[in-house]
Amino acid sequence: MATDSRWIWDGGRVCLDFANTLRSRWRTTPVETLREPDDLAGWLREALLLAPGTTEPATAAVLMSARRLRESVDRAVLAVADGRLPTSGDVTLLNRSAAAAPRSALQLVINGDRLEPVGPTPLAADPALALALIAQDAVDLLLSAEIRRVRVCGADNCALRFLDRSPARNRRWCSMSRCGNRTKVRLHQVRARQSGPTKET
C-alpha cells in the first residue's frame, strides 16, 4: 500500500478528487497514488463512497478499471470545460460505468416556503460499485452548468483539477493554503532578488 496516502480533497466534486489521485500531471511521468488495490480501497473509504462495514477488497482488475475510469473522467471534463466534445470512447466508458451505480429513491423536503429534492447519499457495497458512483458524479458534472467552472491549478508544479465556486469565478489555485500562498511567497522572493539590497539613507 502507498505510504504517501495523504489524499487531496480540493476538487469540489468527488470525480475531480478522483482525477487528482494522479499527481503532477504536468510531468512527463506523473505520480501515481493508486499503486495497489489497497490504495484504491483506502481512497474510496476516505471519499465516503463505501458503505460502513464493507469488507470486499479491491482487486487488481478493479484497480485497472479505476485508472481507466479516472483518465476518461479527466479527459471528458477538461474537454467539455473547454467547450469541446469528449471522445465517443470516453462517453461510452462513463455511461457504462455510471449505469451500475446504486441509486437511492428521491425524496422531498420543505425548505422555507419551497419544496426541494433530497435523498440519502448512495453508498456502495464494494469497490467496483463505488467506481460507478464516481462515474455517475462525472456524468452529472458534464451535464451541469458547473462544468464551465472546472479549472486547472495555476501553480507551475501542481495541475490539480478543481471546481471554481468563487463568486467572481477567478480562483487560480486548487488551494490558497497550499499552492496560492506558496506561489505568492516565491514571486515575492523573486522580486526581492531582482530589486537588490535596499540602500540605507
N, C-alpha and C. Protein backbone atom coordinates (compact mmCIF):
# COMPACT_ATOMS: atom_id res chain seq x y z
N MET A 1 0.85 -1.21 0.00
CA MET A 1 0.00 0.00 0.00
C MET A 1 0.88 1.25 0.00
N ALA A 2 0.43 2.29 -0.67
CA ALA A 2 1.23 3.51 -0.77
C ALA A 2 1.45 4.11 0.60
N THR A 3 2.65 4.61 0.82
CA THR A 3 2.96 5.22 2.11
C THR A 3 2.59 6.70 2.11
N ASP A 4 2.43 7.30 0.92
CA ASP A 4 2.09 8.72 0.84
C ASP A 4 0.60 8.87 0.53
N SER A 5 -0.23 8.16 1.30
CA SER A 5 -1.66 8.15 1.01
C SER A 5 -2.38 9.31 1.68
N ARG A 6 -1.77 10.48 1.63
CA ARG A 6 -2.44 11.68 2.11
C ARG A 6 -3.19 12.28 0.93
N TRP A 7 -4.45 11.96 0.84
CA TRP A 7 -5.23 12.36 -0.33
C TRP A 7 -5.55 13.86 -0.29
N ILE A 8 -5.75 14.42 -1.45
CA ILE A 8 -6.10 15.84 -1.57
C ILE A 8 -7.58 15.94 -1.94
N TRP A 9 -8.32 16.78 -1.20
CA TRP A 9 -9.77 16.85 -1.37
C TRP A 9 -10.20 18.27 -1.74
N ASP A 10 -9.48 18.92 -2.62
CA ASP A 10 -9.79 20.29 -3.00
C ASP A 10 -10.51 20.40 -4.34
N GLY A 11 -10.93 19.28 -4.92
CA GLY A 11 -11.55 19.32 -6.24
C GLY A 11 -12.94 19.92 -6.27
N GLY A 12 -13.68 19.78 -5.18
CA GLY A 12 -15.05 20.30 -5.15
C GLY A 12 -16.09 19.32 -5.63
N ARG A 13 -15.66 18.25 -6.28
CA ARG A 13 -16.55 17.16 -6.71
C ARG A 13 -15.75 15.87 -6.55
N VAL A 14 -16.46 14.79 -6.22
CA VAL A 14 -15.75 13.53 -5.99
C VAL A 14 -15.02 13.07 -7.26
N CYS A 15 -15.61 13.33 -8.43
CA CYS A 15 -14.95 12.88 -9.66
C CYS A 15 -13.66 13.66 -9.91
N LEU A 16 -13.60 14.93 -9.50
CA LEU A 16 -12.37 15.70 -9.66
C LEU A 16 -11.33 15.29 -8.63
N ASP A 17 -11.77 15.00 -7.40
CA ASP A 17 -10.84 14.48 -6.41
C ASP A 17 -10.24 13.16 -6.89
N PHE A 18 -11.06 12.36 -7.56
CA PHE A 18 -10.57 11.08 -8.09
C PHE A 18 -9.56 11.32 -9.20
N ALA A 19 -9.83 12.25 -10.10
CA ALA A 19 -8.87 12.59 -11.16
C ALA A 19 -7.54 13.05 -10.55
N ASN A 20 -7.62 13.68 -9.39
CA ASN A 20 -6.42 14.21 -8.75
C ASN A 20 -5.60 13.15 -8.02
N THR A 21 -6.03 11.89 -8.08
CA THR A 21 -5.19 10.84 -7.49
C THR A 21 -3.97 10.56 -8.37
N LEU A 22 -3.98 11.07 -9.60
CA LEU A 22 -2.75 11.05 -10.41
C LEU A 22 -2.15 12.44 -10.27
N ARG A 23 -1.07 12.55 -9.52
CA ARG A 23 -0.49 13.84 -9.19
C ARG A 23 0.55 14.27 -10.22
N SER A 24 0.83 15.56 -10.19
CA SER A 24 1.90 16.14 -11.03
C SER A 24 1.71 15.77 -12.50
N ARG A 25 0.51 15.99 -13.00
CA ARG A 25 0.21 15.64 -14.40
C ARG A 25 1.04 16.46 -15.39
N TRP A 26 1.65 17.53 -14.94
CA TRP A 26 2.49 18.35 -15.80
C TRP A 26 3.82 17.68 -16.11
N ARG A 27 4.18 16.66 -15.33
CA ARG A 27 5.44 15.96 -15.56
C ARG A 27 5.32 14.95 -16.70
N THR A 28 6.45 14.60 -17.29
CA THR A 28 6.45 13.54 -18.30
C THR A 28 5.95 12.24 -17.68
N THR A 29 6.36 11.97 -16.45
CA THR A 29 5.88 10.80 -15.71
C THR A 29 5.16 11.28 -14.46
N PRO A 30 3.82 11.36 -14.49
CA PRO A 30 3.07 11.80 -13.31
C PRO A 30 3.25 10.83 -12.14
N VAL A 31 2.82 11.26 -10.96
CA VAL A 31 2.96 10.46 -9.75
C VAL A 31 1.66 9.70 -9.49
N GLU A 32 1.74 8.38 -9.54
CA GLU A 32 0.58 7.53 -9.32
C GLU A 32 0.41 7.27 -7.82
N THR A 33 -0.74 7.62 -7.26
CA THR A 33 -1.00 7.33 -5.85
C THR A 33 -1.86 6.08 -5.67
N LEU A 34 -2.49 5.62 -6.74
CA LEU A 34 -3.26 4.37 -6.67
C LEU A 34 -2.38 3.25 -7.23
N ARG A 35 -1.36 2.89 -6.46
CA ARG A 35 -0.39 1.92 -6.96
C ARG A 35 -0.83 0.48 -6.72
N GLU A 36 -1.60 0.26 -5.68
CA GLU A 36 -2.03 -1.09 -5.33
C GLU A 36 -3.53 -1.08 -5.06
N PRO A 37 -4.18 -2.25 -5.13
CA PRO A 37 -5.62 -2.31 -4.83
C PRO A 37 -5.97 -1.72 -3.47
N ASP A 38 -5.12 -1.91 -2.47
CA ASP A 38 -5.41 -1.35 -1.14
C ASP A 38 -5.42 0.18 -1.15
N ASP A 39 -4.62 0.78 -2.03
CA ASP A 39 -4.64 2.24 -2.15
C ASP A 39 -6.01 2.70 -2.64
N LEU A 40 -6.54 2.02 -3.63
CA LEU A 40 -7.86 2.36 -4.15
C LEU A 40 -8.93 2.20 -3.07
N ALA A 41 -8.90 1.08 -2.36
CA ALA A 41 -9.88 0.85 -1.30
C ALA A 41 -9.79 1.94 -0.24
N GLY A 42 -8.56 2.34 0.11
CA GLY A 42 -8.39 3.39 1.11
C GLY A 42 -8.96 4.71 0.65
N TRP A 43 -8.72 5.04 -0.62
CA TRP A 43 -9.26 6.30 -1.15
C TRP A 43 -10.79 6.28 -1.15
N LEU A 44 -11.38 5.18 -1.59
CA LEU A 44 -12.85 5.07 -1.64
C LEU A 44 -13.47 5.20 -0.25
N ARG A 45 -12.78 4.64 0.74
CA ARG A 45 -13.28 4.77 2.12
C ARG A 45 -13.24 6.22 2.58
N GLU A 46 -12.10 6.88 2.34
CA GLU A 46 -11.98 8.28 2.77
C GLU A 46 -12.91 9.20 1.99
N ALA A 47 -13.26 8.81 0.78
CA ALA A 47 -14.21 9.58 -0.02
C ALA A 47 -15.65 9.32 0.41
N LEU A 48 -15.84 8.42 1.37
CA LEU A 48 -17.16 8.06 1.90
C LEU A 48 -18.07 7.48 0.83
N LEU A 49 -17.50 6.66 -0.03
CA LEU A 49 -18.28 6.02 -1.09
C LEU A 49 -18.61 4.57 -0.75
N LEU A 50 -17.92 3.99 0.21
CA LEU A 50 -18.17 2.61 0.60
C LEU A 50 -19.06 2.56 1.83
N ALA A 51 -20.02 1.66 1.82
CA ALA A 51 -20.92 1.51 2.96
C ALA A 51 -20.14 1.05 4.19
N PRO A 52 -20.55 1.50 5.38
CA PRO A 52 -19.87 1.05 6.61
C PRO A 52 -19.86 -0.47 6.71
N GLY A 53 -18.73 -1.00 7.13
CA GLY A 53 -18.62 -2.44 7.29
C GLY A 53 -18.27 -3.19 6.03
N THR A 54 -18.09 -2.47 4.92
CA THR A 54 -17.73 -3.14 3.67
C THR A 54 -16.36 -3.79 3.80
N THR A 55 -16.31 -5.07 3.52
CA THR A 55 -15.04 -5.79 3.63
C THR A 55 -14.56 -6.33 2.28
N GLU A 56 -15.36 -6.14 1.23
CA GLU A 56 -14.98 -6.62 -0.09
C GLU A 56 -13.70 -5.92 -0.53
N PRO A 57 -12.64 -6.65 -0.81
CA PRO A 57 -11.38 -6.00 -1.18
C PRO A 57 -11.40 -5.52 -2.63
N ALA A 58 -10.58 -4.54 -2.91
CA ALA A 58 -10.35 -4.16 -4.30
C ALA A 58 -9.38 -5.18 -4.90
N THR A 59 -9.57 -5.48 -6.16
CA THR A 59 -8.71 -6.43 -6.84
C THR A 59 -7.84 -5.70 -7.85
N ALA A 60 -6.88 -6.40 -8.41
CA ALA A 60 -6.02 -5.81 -9.44
C ALA A 60 -6.85 -5.39 -10.65
N ALA A 61 -7.86 -6.18 -10.99
CA ALA A 61 -8.72 -5.85 -12.13
C ALA A 61 -9.53 -4.59 -11.86
N VAL A 62 -10.05 -4.45 -10.64
CA VAL A 62 -10.81 -3.25 -10.28
C VAL A 62 -9.89 -2.03 -10.29
N LEU A 63 -8.65 -2.21 -9.84
CA LEU A 63 -7.70 -1.10 -9.86
C LEU A 63 -7.44 -0.64 -11.29
N MET A 64 -7.28 -1.57 -12.22
CA MET A 64 -7.08 -1.19 -13.62
C MET A 64 -8.30 -0.46 -14.17
N SER A 65 -9.49 -0.94 -13.80
CA SER A 65 -10.73 -0.27 -14.22
C SER A 65 -10.79 1.14 -13.64
N ALA A 66 -10.36 1.27 -12.39
CA ALA A 66 -10.38 2.58 -11.74
C ALA A 66 -9.47 3.56 -12.47
N ARG A 67 -8.29 3.12 -12.84
CA ARG A 67 -7.37 4.01 -13.55
C ARG A 67 -7.92 4.41 -14.92
N ARG A 68 -8.54 3.45 -15.63
CA ARG A 68 -9.14 3.79 -16.92
C ARG A 68 -10.27 4.79 -16.75
N LEU A 69 -11.11 4.56 -15.74
CA LEU A 69 -12.22 5.49 -15.48
C LEU A 69 -11.67 6.87 -15.13
N ARG A 70 -10.65 6.90 -14.29
CA ARG A 70 -10.08 8.19 -13.87
C ARG A 70 -9.63 9.01 -15.07
N GLU A 71 -8.94 8.38 -16.02
CA GLU A 71 -8.44 9.12 -17.18
C GLU A 71 -9.56 9.52 -18.13
N SER A 72 -10.60 8.70 -18.23
CA SER A 72 -11.77 9.09 -19.04
C SER A 72 -12.47 10.29 -18.42
N VAL A 73 -12.61 10.26 -17.09
CA VAL A 73 -13.21 11.39 -16.40
C VAL A 73 -12.39 12.65 -16.66
N ASP A 74 -11.09 12.55 -16.51
CA ASP A 74 -10.23 13.72 -16.66
C ASP A 74 -10.30 14.28 -18.08
N ARG A 75 -10.20 13.41 -19.06
CA ARG A 75 -10.24 13.90 -20.45
C ARG A 75 -11.59 14.52 -20.78
N ALA A 76 -12.67 13.86 -20.38
CA ALA A 76 -14.01 14.35 -20.71
C ALA A 76 -14.29 15.68 -20.03
N VAL A 77 -13.94 15.78 -18.75
CA VAL A 77 -14.21 17.02 -18.01
C VAL A 77 -13.43 18.19 -18.60
N LEU A 78 -12.15 17.99 -18.88
CA LEU A 78 -11.35 19.09 -19.44
C LEU A 78 -11.82 19.48 -20.83
N ALA A 79 -12.26 18.50 -21.61
CA ALA A 79 -12.76 18.80 -22.96
C ALA A 79 -14.02 19.66 -22.89
N VAL A 80 -15.00 19.22 -22.11
CA VAL A 80 -16.27 19.96 -22.05
C VAL A 80 -16.08 21.31 -21.38
N ALA A 81 -15.22 21.39 -20.37
CA ALA A 81 -14.93 22.67 -19.73
C ALA A 81 -14.32 23.66 -20.72
N ASP A 82 -13.64 23.13 -21.74
CA ASP A 82 -13.01 23.96 -22.76
C ASP A 82 -13.92 24.19 -23.97
N GLY A 83 -15.17 23.71 -23.88
CA GLY A 83 -16.12 23.93 -24.96
C GLY A 83 -16.05 22.89 -26.07
N ARG A 84 -15.34 21.78 -25.82
CA ARG A 84 -15.24 20.72 -26.81
C ARG A 84 -16.04 19.50 -26.38
N LEU A 85 -16.30 18.61 -27.32
CA LEU A 85 -16.98 17.36 -27.00
C LEU A 85 -15.97 16.31 -26.57
N PRO A 86 -16.34 15.47 -25.61
CA PRO A 86 -15.44 14.36 -25.25
C PRO A 86 -15.45 13.32 -26.36
N THR A 87 -14.49 12.42 -26.33
CA THR A 87 -14.45 11.37 -27.34
C THR A 87 -15.58 10.37 -27.10
N SER A 88 -15.97 9.69 -28.16
CA SER A 88 -17.04 8.70 -28.03
C SER A 88 -16.62 7.56 -27.11
N GLY A 89 -15.33 7.23 -27.10
CA GLY A 89 -14.85 6.18 -26.23
C GLY A 89 -15.00 6.54 -24.75
N ASP A 90 -14.68 7.80 -24.42
CA ASP A 90 -14.84 8.24 -23.03
C ASP A 90 -16.31 8.30 -22.64
N VAL A 91 -17.17 8.74 -23.55
CA VAL A 91 -18.61 8.79 -23.27
C VAL A 91 -19.13 7.37 -23.02
N THR A 92 -18.72 6.43 -23.84
CA THR A 92 -19.17 5.04 -23.67
C THR A 92 -18.73 4.48 -22.33
N LEU A 93 -17.46 4.72 -21.96
CA LEU A 93 -16.95 4.19 -20.69
C LEU A 93 -17.68 4.82 -19.50
N LEU A 94 -17.90 6.13 -19.55
CA LEU A 94 -18.59 6.80 -18.46
C LEU A 94 -20.03 6.31 -18.32
N ASN A 95 -20.72 6.17 -19.45
CA ASN A 95 -22.11 5.69 -19.41
C ASN A 95 -22.18 4.26 -18.87
N ARG A 96 -21.28 3.42 -19.34
CA ARG A 96 -21.29 2.02 -18.90
C ARG A 96 -21.00 1.93 -17.41
N SER A 97 -20.05 2.72 -16.94
CA SER A 97 -19.70 2.70 -15.52
C SER A 97 -20.83 3.27 -14.66
N ALA A 98 -21.39 4.39 -15.07
CA ALA A 98 -22.43 5.05 -14.28
C ALA A 98 -23.69 4.21 -14.19
N ALA A 99 -23.95 3.39 -15.19
CA ALA A 99 -25.18 2.58 -15.21
C ALA A 99 -25.23 1.59 -14.06
N ALA A 100 -24.08 1.24 -13.51
CA ALA A 100 -24.04 0.25 -12.42
C ALA A 100 -24.18 0.88 -11.04
N ALA A 101 -24.32 2.22 -10.98
CA ALA A 101 -24.35 2.89 -9.68
C ALA A 101 -25.64 2.60 -8.92
N PRO A 102 -25.52 2.33 -7.61
CA PRO A 102 -26.73 2.18 -6.79
C PRO A 102 -27.43 3.52 -6.67
N ARG A 103 -28.73 3.54 -6.84
CA ARG A 103 -29.49 4.79 -6.80
C ARG A 103 -30.49 4.77 -5.65
N SER A 104 -30.49 5.83 -4.88
CA SER A 104 -31.46 5.95 -3.79
C SER A 104 -32.70 6.67 -4.29
N ALA A 105 -33.83 6.34 -3.70
CA ALA A 105 -35.08 6.98 -4.10
C ALA A 105 -35.06 8.47 -3.76
N LEU A 106 -35.49 9.31 -4.71
CA LEU A 106 -35.55 10.74 -4.50
C LEU A 106 -36.68 11.06 -3.55
N GLN A 107 -36.43 11.97 -2.61
CA GLN A 107 -37.45 12.36 -1.64
C GLN A 107 -37.59 13.87 -1.64
N LEU A 108 -38.58 14.36 -0.85
CA LEU A 108 -38.86 15.79 -0.78
C LEU A 108 -38.54 16.32 0.61
N VAL A 109 -38.18 17.60 0.66
CA VAL A 109 -38.01 18.29 1.93
C VAL A 109 -38.55 19.70 1.77
N ILE A 110 -39.19 20.23 2.83
CA ILE A 110 -39.68 21.61 2.81
C ILE A 110 -38.57 22.50 3.35
N ASN A 111 -38.12 23.43 2.53
CA ASN A 111 -37.06 24.36 2.90
C ASN A 111 -37.63 25.76 2.81
N GLY A 112 -38.01 26.33 3.97
CA GLY A 112 -38.66 27.64 3.98
C GLY A 112 -40.04 27.54 3.36
N ASP A 113 -40.21 28.20 2.22
CA ASP A 113 -41.50 28.14 1.53
C ASP A 113 -41.42 27.37 0.22
N ARG A 114 -40.39 26.51 0.11
CA ARG A 114 -40.21 25.76 -1.14
C ARG A 114 -40.05 24.28 -0.87
N LEU A 115 -40.44 23.51 -1.89
CA LEU A 115 -40.14 22.08 -1.89
C LEU A 115 -38.84 21.86 -2.63
N GLU A 116 -37.95 21.04 -2.05
CA GLU A 116 -36.68 20.75 -2.70
C GLU A 116 -36.44 19.25 -2.68
N PRO A 117 -35.70 18.75 -3.67
CA PRO A 117 -35.40 17.32 -3.68
C PRO A 117 -34.30 16.99 -2.68
N VAL A 118 -34.38 15.84 -2.09
CA VAL A 118 -33.35 15.40 -1.17
C VAL A 118 -33.32 13.87 -1.21
N GLY A 119 -32.19 13.32 -0.97
CA GLY A 119 -32.08 11.87 -0.93
C GLY A 119 -30.83 11.48 -0.20
N PRO A 120 -30.81 10.33 0.42
CA PRO A 120 -29.60 9.89 1.10
C PRO A 120 -28.48 9.65 0.10
N THR A 121 -27.26 9.95 0.53
CA THR A 121 -26.12 9.71 -0.33
C THR A 121 -25.96 8.21 -0.56
N PRO A 122 -26.01 7.77 -1.81
CA PRO A 122 -25.87 6.33 -2.05
C PRO A 122 -24.48 5.84 -1.70
N LEU A 123 -24.41 4.68 -1.08
CA LEU A 123 -23.13 4.08 -0.73
C LEU A 123 -23.00 2.75 -1.44
N ALA A 124 -21.78 2.37 -1.73
CA ALA A 124 -21.52 1.15 -2.48
C ALA A 124 -21.13 0.02 -1.54
N ALA A 125 -21.52 -1.18 -1.93
CA ALA A 125 -21.21 -2.36 -1.12
C ALA A 125 -19.85 -2.95 -1.46
N ASP A 126 -19.24 -2.50 -2.56
CA ASP A 126 -17.91 -2.99 -2.92
C ASP A 126 -17.20 -1.94 -3.78
N PRO A 127 -15.89 -2.05 -3.94
CA PRO A 127 -15.14 -1.04 -4.68
C PRO A 127 -15.60 -0.84 -6.13
N ALA A 128 -16.00 -1.90 -6.80
CA ALA A 128 -16.44 -1.77 -8.19
C ALA A 128 -17.67 -0.87 -8.29
N LEU A 129 -18.61 -1.04 -7.37
CA LEU A 129 -19.81 -0.20 -7.37
C LEU A 129 -19.47 1.23 -6.96
N ALA A 130 -18.47 1.40 -6.11
CA ALA A 130 -18.05 2.75 -5.74
C ALA A 130 -17.52 3.51 -6.95
N LEU A 131 -16.83 2.81 -7.85
CA LEU A 131 -16.38 3.45 -9.09
C LEU A 131 -17.55 3.94 -9.92
N ALA A 132 -18.66 3.20 -9.87
CA ALA A 132 -19.85 3.61 -10.60
C ALA A 132 -20.40 4.92 -10.05
N LEU A 133 -20.29 5.13 -8.74
CA LEU A 133 -20.74 6.40 -8.15
C LEU A 133 -19.88 7.55 -8.64
N ILE A 134 -18.59 7.30 -8.81
CA ILE A 134 -17.69 8.34 -9.35
C ILE A 134 -18.09 8.68 -10.78
N ALA A 135 -18.35 7.65 -11.58
CA ALA A 135 -18.76 7.87 -12.97
C ALA A 135 -20.07 8.65 -13.02
N GLN A 136 -20.99 8.31 -12.12
CA GLN A 136 -22.27 9.00 -12.07
C GLN A 136 -22.07 10.48 -11.74
N ASP A 137 -21.17 10.77 -10.81
CA ASP A 137 -20.87 12.16 -10.46
C ASP A 137 -20.26 12.90 -11.65
N ALA A 138 -19.40 12.21 -12.41
CA ALA A 138 -18.79 12.84 -13.59
C ALA A 138 -19.84 13.15 -14.65
N VAL A 139 -20.76 12.22 -14.88
CA VAL A 139 -21.83 12.45 -15.85
C VAL A 139 -22.67 13.65 -15.43
N ASP A 140 -23.00 13.71 -14.14
CA ASP A 140 -23.78 14.83 -13.62
C ASP A 140 -23.05 16.15 -13.82
N LEU A 141 -21.74 16.16 -13.55
CA LEU A 141 -20.95 17.38 -13.74
C LEU A 141 -20.90 17.78 -15.20
N LEU A 142 -20.70 16.83 -16.09
CA LEU A 142 -20.60 17.13 -17.52
C LEU A 142 -21.87 17.74 -18.08
N LEU A 143 -23.02 17.41 -17.49
CA LEU A 143 -24.31 17.90 -17.96
C LEU A 143 -24.77 19.15 -17.22
N SER A 144 -23.98 19.61 -16.25
CA SER A 144 -24.40 20.76 -15.44
C SER A 144 -23.68 22.03 -15.87
N ALA A 145 -24.22 23.16 -15.43
CA ALA A 145 -23.58 24.44 -15.74
C ALA A 145 -22.23 24.58 -15.03
N GLU A 146 -22.03 23.80 -13.97
CA GLU A 146 -20.77 23.88 -13.22
C GLU A 146 -19.57 23.43 -14.03
N ILE A 147 -19.79 22.71 -15.12
CA ILE A 147 -18.67 22.23 -15.91
C ILE A 147 -17.82 23.39 -16.41
N ARG A 148 -18.43 24.57 -16.61
CA ARG A 148 -17.68 25.74 -17.07
C ARG A 148 -16.81 26.34 -15.97
N ARG A 149 -16.96 25.82 -14.75
CA ARG A 149 -16.18 26.33 -13.63
C ARG A 149 -15.01 25.41 -13.29
N VAL A 150 -14.80 24.38 -14.06
CA VAL A 150 -13.66 23.49 -13.81
C VAL A 150 -12.37 24.20 -14.22
N ARG A 151 -11.40 24.16 -13.34
CA ARG A 151 -10.12 24.82 -13.58
C ARG A 151 -8.97 23.84 -13.34
N VAL A 152 -7.80 24.20 -13.86
CA VAL A 152 -6.55 23.51 -13.54
C VAL A 152 -5.71 24.49 -12.75
N CYS A 153 -5.18 24.05 -11.61
CA CYS A 153 -4.42 24.93 -10.73
C CYS A 153 -3.33 25.67 -11.49
N GLY A 154 -3.22 26.97 -11.22
CA GLY A 154 -2.26 27.82 -11.93
C GLY A 154 -0.83 27.72 -11.45
N ALA A 155 -0.59 26.97 -10.37
CA ALA A 155 0.79 26.82 -9.89
C ALA A 155 1.58 25.99 -10.89
N ASP A 156 2.85 26.37 -11.10
CA ASP A 156 3.68 25.71 -12.10
C ASP A 156 3.87 24.22 -11.85
N ASN A 157 3.85 23.82 -10.58
CA ASN A 157 4.17 22.43 -10.25
C ASN A 157 2.99 21.71 -9.59
N CYS A 158 1.78 21.99 -10.05
CA CYS A 158 0.61 21.35 -9.43
C CYS A 158 -0.27 20.64 -10.46
N ALA A 159 -1.11 21.40 -11.16
CA ALA A 159 -2.02 20.87 -12.19
C ALA A 159 -3.21 20.09 -11.63
N LEU A 160 -3.53 20.26 -10.34
CA LEU A 160 -4.74 19.63 -9.81
C LEU A 160 -5.97 20.26 -10.44
N ARG A 161 -7.01 19.45 -10.64
CA ARG A 161 -8.27 19.93 -11.19
C ARG A 161 -9.19 20.34 -10.03
N PHE A 162 -9.94 21.42 -10.22
CA PHE A 162 -10.86 21.84 -9.16
C PHE A 162 -12.03 22.62 -9.74
N LEU A 163 -13.07 22.75 -8.93
CA LEU A 163 -14.27 23.47 -9.32
C LEU A 163 -14.22 24.85 -8.68
N ASP A 164 -14.26 25.88 -9.52
CA ASP A 164 -14.18 27.26 -9.03
C ASP A 164 -15.58 27.73 -8.64
N ARG A 165 -15.85 27.75 -7.35
CA ARG A 165 -17.15 28.22 -6.86
C ARG A 165 -17.05 29.63 -6.28
N SER A 166 -15.95 30.33 -6.57
CA SER A 166 -15.82 31.70 -6.08
C SER A 166 -16.83 32.59 -6.80
N PRO A 167 -17.38 33.60 -6.10
CA PRO A 167 -18.38 34.48 -6.73
C PRO A 167 -17.89 35.13 -8.02
N ALA A 168 -16.62 35.51 -8.05
CA ALA A 168 -16.08 36.18 -9.24
C ALA A 168 -15.60 35.21 -10.31
N ARG A 169 -15.62 33.92 -9.99
CA ARG A 169 -15.15 32.89 -10.92
C ARG A 169 -13.72 33.14 -11.39
N ASN A 170 -12.88 33.58 -10.49
CA ASN A 170 -11.49 33.89 -10.87
C ASN A 170 -10.48 33.20 -9.96
N ARG A 171 -10.88 32.08 -9.34
CA ARG A 171 -9.95 31.36 -8.47
C ARG A 171 -8.85 30.73 -9.33
N ARG A 172 -7.61 30.90 -8.92
CA ARG A 172 -6.48 30.41 -9.71
C ARG A 172 -5.83 29.17 -9.13
N TRP A 173 -5.98 28.97 -7.81
CA TRP A 173 -5.24 27.91 -7.15
C TRP A 173 -6.20 26.82 -6.66
N CYS A 174 -5.70 25.59 -6.65
CA CYS A 174 -6.50 24.50 -6.11
C CYS A 174 -6.76 24.72 -4.63
N SER A 175 -5.78 25.34 -3.95
CA SER A 175 -5.90 25.64 -2.53
C SER A 175 -5.01 26.83 -2.22
N MET A 176 -5.58 27.84 -1.57
CA MET A 176 -4.79 29.01 -1.20
C MET A 176 -3.71 28.63 -0.18
N SER A 177 -4.06 27.71 0.74
CA SER A 177 -3.12 27.33 1.79
C SER A 177 -1.95 26.53 1.25
N ARG A 178 -2.11 25.92 0.08
CA ARG A 178 -1.02 25.12 -0.48
C ARG A 178 -0.38 25.88 -1.64
N CYS A 179 -1.00 25.90 -2.77
CA CYS A 179 -0.37 26.49 -3.96
C CYS A 179 -0.42 28.00 -3.99
N GLY A 180 -1.52 28.61 -3.54
CA GLY A 180 -1.65 30.05 -3.61
C GLY A 180 -0.59 30.76 -2.79
N ASN A 181 -0.50 30.45 -1.52
CA ASN A 181 0.48 31.10 -0.65
C ASN A 181 1.91 30.78 -1.07
N ARG A 182 2.14 29.52 -1.47
CA ARG A 182 3.48 29.12 -1.87
C ARG A 182 3.93 29.91 -3.10
N THR A 183 3.03 30.09 -4.06
CA THR A 183 3.36 30.84 -5.27
C THR A 183 3.61 32.30 -4.95
N LYS A 184 2.79 32.88 -4.08
CA LYS A 184 2.97 34.28 -3.72
C LYS A 184 4.31 34.51 -3.02
N VAL A 185 4.69 33.58 -2.14
CA VAL A 185 5.98 33.70 -1.45
C VAL A 185 7.12 33.61 -2.46
N ARG A 186 7.02 32.67 -3.40
CA ARG A 186 8.07 32.50 -4.40
C ARG A 186 8.21 33.75 -5.27
N LEU A 187 7.08 34.33 -5.71
CA LEU A 187 7.12 35.54 -6.53
C LEU A 187 7.69 36.71 -5.75
N HIS A 188 7.35 36.79 -4.47
CA HIS A 188 7.89 37.87 -3.63
C HIS A 188 9.41 37.74 -3.52
N GLN A 189 9.90 36.50 -3.36
CA GLN A 189 11.34 36.29 -3.25
C GLN A 189 12.05 36.64 -4.55
N VAL A 190 11.41 36.31 -5.69
CA VAL A 190 12.00 36.65 -6.99
C VAL A 190 12.10 38.16 -7.14
N ARG A 191 11.02 38.88 -6.79
CA ARG A 191 11.03 40.35 -6.90
C ARG A 191 12.09 40.96 -5.98
N ALA A 192 12.23 40.38 -4.78
CA ALA A 192 13.22 40.90 -3.83
C ALA A 192 14.64 40.73 -4.37
N ARG A 193 14.91 39.58 -5.00
CA ARG A 193 16.25 39.36 -5.57
C ARG A 193 16.52 40.29 -6.74
N GLN A 194 15.49 40.54 -7.55
CA GLN A 194 15.67 41.41 -8.72
C GLN A 194 15.90 42.85 -8.34
N SER A 195 15.27 43.28 -7.24
CA SER A 195 15.40 44.67 -6.84
C SER A 195 16.71 44.94 -6.12
N GLY A 196 17.36 43.87 -5.62
CA GLY A 196 18.64 44.01 -4.94
C GLY A 196 18.48 44.53 -3.52
N PRO A 197 19.60 44.69 -2.80
CA PRO A 197 19.54 45.17 -1.42
C PRO A 197 19.07 46.60 -1.33
N THR A 198 18.33 46.88 -0.29
CA THR A 198 17.82 48.26 -0.08
C THR A 198 18.95 49.14 0.43
N LYS A 199 19.11 50.31 -0.20
CA LYS A 199 20.18 51.25 0.22
C LYS A 199 19.74 52.02 1.44
N GLU A 200 20.66 52.16 2.38
CA GLU A 200 20.37 52.96 3.58
C GLU A 200 20.62 54.41 3.27
N THR A 201 19.79 55.27 3.86
CA THR A 201 19.95 56.70 3.65
C THR A 201 20.48 57.35 4.91
